[in-house]
Protein backbone atom coordinates (compact mmCIF):
# COMPACT_ATOMS: atom_id res chain seq x y z
CA UNK A 1 0.00 0.00 0.00
CA UNK A 2 1.51 3.32 -1.10
CA UNK A 3 0.52 6.94 -0.79
CA UNK A 4 -0.75 6.55 2.75
CA UNK A 5 0.97 9.58 4.32
CA UNK A 6 -0.44 12.99 3.48
CA UNK A 7 1.84 15.95 4.19
CA UNK A 8 0.72 19.50 3.55
CA UNK A 9 3.54 21.94 4.19
CA UNK A 10 3.21 25.46 5.46
CA UNK A 11 5.67 27.95 6.93
CA UNK A 12 3.86 28.89 10.16
CA UNK A 13 5.44 27.48 13.34
CA UNK A 14 2.75 24.83 13.76
CA UNK A 15 2.50 21.14 12.88
CA UNK A 16 -0.86 19.39 13.18
CA UNK A 17 -0.67 15.62 13.57
CA UNK A 18 -3.63 13.55 12.40
CA UNK A 19 -2.93 10.00 13.58
CA UNK A 20 -6.43 8.52 13.80
CA UNK A 21 -8.54 9.86 10.93
CA UNK A 22 -7.40 7.19 8.48
CA UNK A 23 -9.63 4.33 7.31
CA UNK A 24 -7.33 2.39 4.95
CA UNK A 25 -6.90 -1.30 5.76
CA UNK A 26 -4.99 -3.67 3.45
CA UNK A 27 -7.32 -6.30 2.01
CA UNK A 28 -5.45 -9.24 3.56
CA UNK A 29 -5.79 -7.67 7.01
CA UNK A 30 -9.38 -6.56 6.56
CA UNK A 31 -10.41 -10.19 5.98
CA UNK A 32 -9.14 -11.05 9.47
CA UNK A 33 -11.32 -8.50 11.26
CA UNK A 34 -14.79 -9.38 12.55
CA UNK A 35 -16.14 -6.83 10.07
CA UNK A 36 -14.77 -3.90 8.05
CA UNK A 37 -17.22 -1.58 9.82
CA UNK A 38 -16.14 -2.69 13.29
CA UNK A 39 -12.49 -2.22 12.34
CA UNK A 40 -13.24 1.41 11.45
CA UNK A 41 -15.82 2.26 14.11
CA UNK A 42 -13.38 4.02 16.46
CA UNK A 43 -11.89 6.26 13.77
CA UNK A 44 -11.50 9.94 14.70
CA UNK A 45 -14.20 10.68 12.15
CA UNK A 46 -13.71 13.73 9.92
CA UNK A 47 -11.02 15.31 12.10
CA UNK A 48 -8.92 15.97 9.01
CA UNK A 49 -11.86 17.88 7.51
CA UNK A 50 -12.43 19.82 10.75
CA UNK A 51 -8.95 21.30 10.37
CA UNK A 52 -9.12 21.93 6.61
CA UNK A 53 -8.83 25.67 7.31
CA UNK A 54 -5.38 25.25 8.88
CA UNK A 55 -3.57 25.23 5.53
CA UNK A 56 -4.78 28.76 4.84
CA UNK A 57 -3.24 29.79 8.17
CA UNK A 58 0.15 28.40 7.12
CA UNK A 59 0.04 25.27 9.27
CA UNK A 60 1.71 22.01 8.29
CA UNK A 61 -0.36 18.83 8.58
CA UNK A 62 0.86 15.24 8.71
CA UNK A 63 -1.82 12.55 8.33
CA UNK A 64 -1.76 8.80 8.04
CA UNK A 65 -4.53 7.19 6.03
CA UNK A 66 -3.94 3.84 7.75
CA UNK A 67 -6.66 2.83 10.20
CA UNK A 68 -5.76 2.82 13.87
CA UNK A 69 -7.02 -0.78 13.96
CA UNK A 70 -4.02 -1.77 11.81
CA UNK A 71 -1.55 0.14 13.97
CA UNK A 72 -2.01 3.05 16.34
CA UNK A 73 0.72 5.59 15.66
CA UNK A 74 -0.12 7.39 18.92
CA UNK A 75 0.86 4.48 21.18
CA UNK A 76 4.21 3.78 22.81
CA UNK A 77 5.98 1.46 20.36
CA UNK A 78 7.52 -0.42 23.27
CA UNK A 79 4.04 -1.60 24.23
CA UNK A 80 4.01 0.18 27.60
CA UNK A 81 0.63 1.60 28.58
CA UNK A 82 0.23 5.37 28.50
CA UNK A 83 -2.42 5.11 31.20
CA UNK A 84 -1.37 2.39 33.66
CA UNK A 85 -4.30 0.90 35.50
CA UNK A 86 -6.85 2.26 33.03
CA UNK A 87 -8.45 0.58 30.03
CA UNK A 88 -6.87 1.47 26.72
CA UNK A 89 -6.05 -0.08 23.35
CA UNK A 90 -2.72 -1.44 22.20
CA UNK A 91 -0.17 -0.53 19.52
CA UNK A 92 -2.01 -3.02 17.31
CA UNK A 93 -5.46 -3.02 18.91
CA UNK A 94 -7.15 -6.33 19.63
CA UNK A 95 -10.46 -4.80 20.77
CA UNK A 96 -12.65 -1.79 20.07
CA UNK A 97 -13.02 0.94 22.67
CA UNK A 98 -15.98 -0.89 24.21
CA UNK A 99 -14.06 -4.15 24.50
CA UNK A 100 -15.50 -5.99 21.50
CA UNK A 101 -12.86 -8.24 19.89
CA UNK A 102 -11.61 -6.99 16.54
CA UNK A 103 -10.21 -10.25 15.14
CA UNK A 104 -12.11 -13.31 13.97
CA UNK A 105 -9.28 -15.57 15.08
CA UNK A 106 -5.77 -14.79 16.29
CA UNK A 107 -4.59 -11.18 16.70
CA UNK A 108 -1.12 -10.21 15.44
CA UNK A 109 1.83 -11.79 17.19
CA UNK A 110 5.06 -10.00 18.11
CA UNK A 111 6.62 -10.60 14.70
CA UNK A 112 3.63 -9.18 12.86
CA UNK A 113 3.45 -6.19 15.19
CA UNK A 114 7.12 -5.48 14.47
CA UNK A 115 6.43 -5.69 10.74
CA UNK A 116 3.48 -3.29 10.96
CA UNK A 117 5.59 -0.91 13.02
CA UNK A 118 8.34 -0.88 10.38
CA UNK A 119 5.84 -0.50 7.55
CA UNK A 120 3.58 2.24 8.98
CA UNK A 121 4.47 3.49 12.47
CA UNK A 122 8.11 4.37 11.86
CA UNK A 123 7.56 6.16 8.50
CA UNK A 124 4.75 8.26 9.98
CA UNK A 125 6.98 9.44 12.80
CA UNK A 126 9.91 9.99 10.47
CA UNK A 127 7.65 12.33 8.49
CA UNK A 128 6.33 14.07 11.60
CA UNK A 129 9.80 14.54 13.05
CA UNK A 130 11.05 15.85 9.72
CA UNK A 131 8.39 18.56 9.57
CA UNK A 132 9.03 19.61 13.17
CA UNK A 133 12.75 19.90 12.47
CA UNK A 134 12.16 21.80 9.22
CA UNK A 135 10.10 24.43 11.02
CA UNK A 136 12.51 24.59 13.94
CA UNK A 137 15.18 25.68 11.48
CA UNK A 138 12.93 28.55 10.43
CA UNK A 139 11.45 29.57 13.78
CA UNK A 140 12.72 29.79 17.30
CA UNK A 141 9.98 27.50 18.53
CA UNK A 142 7.30 25.22 17.10
CA UNK A 143 3.96 23.92 18.35
CA UNK A 144 2.96 20.32 17.66
CA UNK A 145 -0.83 20.03 17.89
CA UNK A 146 -2.02 16.42 17.92
CA UNK A 147 -5.64 16.42 16.71
CA UNK A 148 -8.12 13.79 17.91
CA UNK A 149 -11.79 13.11 18.56
CA UNK A 150 -13.87 10.41 20.22
CA UNK A 151 -17.52 9.69 20.95
CA UNK A 152 -18.77 11.39 24.10
CA UNK A 153 -19.69 8.24 26.03
CA UNK A 154 -17.32 5.28 26.36
CA UNK A 155 -17.92 3.74 29.80
CA UNK A 156 -14.98 1.36 29.45
CA UNK A 157 -12.58 4.28 28.97
CA UNK A 158 -14.02 7.08 31.12
CA UNK A 159 -16.88 7.93 33.44
CA UNK A 160 -19.80 10.05 32.28
CA UNK A 161 -19.88 12.41 29.33
CA UNK A 162 -16.55 13.68 28.07
CA UNK A 163 -16.03 17.47 27.93
CA UNK A 164 -15.90 18.92 24.42
CA UNK A 165 -12.32 20.19 24.67
CA UNK A 166 -9.84 17.80 26.30
CA UNK A 167 -6.44 19.46 26.39
CA UNK A 168 -3.48 17.24 27.19
CA UNK A 169 0.03 18.35 28.10
CA UNK A 170 1.05 15.45 30.36
CA UNK A 171 0.59 17.58 33.43
CA UNK A 172 2.35 20.57 31.90
CA UNK A 173 5.49 18.67 30.88
CA UNK A 174 5.11 18.93 27.10
CA UNK A 175 4.76 22.68 26.56
CA UNK A 176 5.36 26.11 28.04
CA UNK A 177 2.83 27.06 30.74
CA UNK A 178 1.96 30.16 28.71
CA UNK A 179 0.77 28.03 25.77
CA UNK A 180 -1.19 25.72 28.04
CA UNK A 181 -2.88 28.71 29.68
CA UNK A 182 -3.63 30.40 26.36
CA UNK A 183 -5.29 27.32 24.87
CA UNK A 184 -7.27 26.71 28.05
CA UNK A 185 -8.43 30.33 27.96
CA UNK A 186 -9.45 29.99 24.31
CA UNK A 187 -11.42 26.88 25.15
CA UNK A 188 -13.19 28.59 28.05
CA UNK A 189 -14.10 31.56 25.85
CA UNK A 190 -16.12 29.30 23.53
CA UNK A 191 -18.56 28.49 26.32
CA UNK A 192 -18.10 24.79 25.64
CA UNK A 193 -17.12 22.27 28.31
CA UNK A 194 -13.38 21.78 28.68
CA UNK A 195 -10.73 20.16 30.84
CA UNK A 196 -6.97 20.28 31.13
CA UNK A 197 -5.14 16.98 31.65
CA UNK A 198 -8.26 15.03 32.46
CA UNK A 199 -8.78 11.52 31.09
CA UNK A 200 -6.67 12.37 28.04
CA UNK A 201 -3.36 13.84 29.16
CA UNK A 202 -1.60 13.42 25.84
CA UNK A 203 -0.67 10.28 23.94
CA UNK A 204 2.75 9.03 22.93
CA UNK A 205 3.14 11.65 20.22
CA UNK A 206 2.61 14.55 22.61
CA UNK A 207 4.82 13.05 25.30
CA UNK A 208 7.58 11.99 22.91
CA UNK A 209 7.97 15.23 20.98
CA UNK A 210 7.03 17.78 23.62
CA UNK A 211 10.39 19.26 24.66
CA UNK A 212 9.74 22.89 25.57
CA UNK A 213 13.35 23.33 26.64
CA UNK A 214 14.31 22.57 23.03
CA UNK A 215 11.66 24.80 21.47
CA UNK A 216 9.09 22.07 20.67
CA UNK A 217 5.80 22.60 22.50
CA UNK A 218 3.30 19.76 22.14
CA UNK A 219 -0.35 19.46 23.09
CA UNK A 220 -3.08 16.95 22.37
CA UNK A 221 -6.62 18.12 21.64
CA UNK A 222 -9.25 15.42 22.06
CA UNK A 223 -12.68 16.61 20.93
CA UNK A 224 -15.96 15.05 21.97
CA UNK A 225 -17.66 14.21 18.69
CA UNK A 226 -21.07 15.53 19.77
CA UNK A 227 -19.65 19.01 19.16
CA UNK A 228 -19.74 18.40 15.40
CA UNK A 229 -21.61 15.11 14.75
CA UNK A 230 -24.93 13.53 15.65
CA UNK A 231 -23.89 10.67 17.91
CA UNK A 232 -26.36 7.73 17.77
CA UNK A 233 -27.27 5.97 21.00
CA UNK A 234 -26.40 2.65 19.37
CA UNK A 235 -23.90 2.97 16.50
CA UNK A 236 -24.46 0.59 13.61
CA UNK A 237 -23.43 0.33 9.96
CA UNK A 238 -26.70 2.11 9.13
CA UNK A 239 -26.04 5.24 11.19
CA UNK A 240 -22.28 5.49 11.82
CA UNK A 241 -20.29 7.43 10.95
CA UNK A 242 -22.66 10.37 10.87
CA UNK A 243 -22.15 12.75 7.93
CA UNK A 244 -19.84 15.71 8.31
CA UNK A 245 -21.33 19.20 8.29
CA UNK A 246 -18.74 21.65 6.91
CA UNK A 247 -20.71 24.54 8.42
CA UNK A 248 -20.31 23.28 12.00
CA UNK A 249 -19.72 26.20 14.40
CA UNK A 250 -16.96 24.20 16.04
CA UNK A 251 -14.63 25.09 13.19
CA UNK A 252 -14.70 28.76 14.17
CA UNK A 253 -13.68 27.81 17.72
CA UNK A 254 -10.87 25.62 16.41
CA UNK A 255 -9.62 28.45 14.20
CA UNK A 256 -9.23 30.59 17.31
CA UNK A 257 -7.34 27.80 19.09
CA UNK A 258 -5.03 27.22 16.13
CA UNK A 259 -4.42 30.97 15.82
CA UNK A 260 -3.51 30.96 19.52
CA UNK A 261 -0.89 28.26 18.90
CA UNK A 262 0.63 30.15 15.98
CA UNK A 263 0.69 33.41 17.91
CA UNK A 264 2.49 31.76 20.84
CA UNK A 265 5.21 30.29 18.61
CA UNK A 266 5.60 33.51 16.61
CA UNK A 267 6.71 35.61 19.57
């Protein structure tokens, strides 16, 4: 499978990572899943389209088209859990978010996981790292904004309804406090629910690249999908994913947040 990394280059000091909006699954792997729909159900639906405006603001985007069910490029490649003691999914997930098994028979073994990592995980991060370094040579500092979304209710992963804006900086370790405060303020100003370092404190991408002392400031933004999609009570192939509305008001809020990131790194 070729042409699975999309890179759109800009010159603003901002890189947007899109690790989970892909739906591509090689045919030989798709046949091993319980169903093609189930293998794609937990996609960060339409997040790449939510941030379409970012190119006009000069942002760089790096997106993998490969489904997270094949390999999750936002997990620790060593296999260590990002959230010890809490339910999560693996580097090569074996279940959906709700715990349903993904595979008809045997999930990938260590050798297959290593192969998938070499084929898709490593090239994605080579591309992401390359764009960060390119912009660091132009600017004094760069923001890495890892863009995500998830349905609002996943009892296996978190209690209750998720806030709309879930800002993760690994407890403040991955970016300057001024950036963290500015994004939190922008989120509050929308009037939407928000939290800083709640259930989603930043995945492997945010924690790995966030080195504020070296001029790389990383945050993860996890959006609750109800802010831009109609979430069905019982998702099925007939109603999920819901269609994307390009006129969603959420995009105006995200533009403000992205502008805040660029302004921080431009000082």
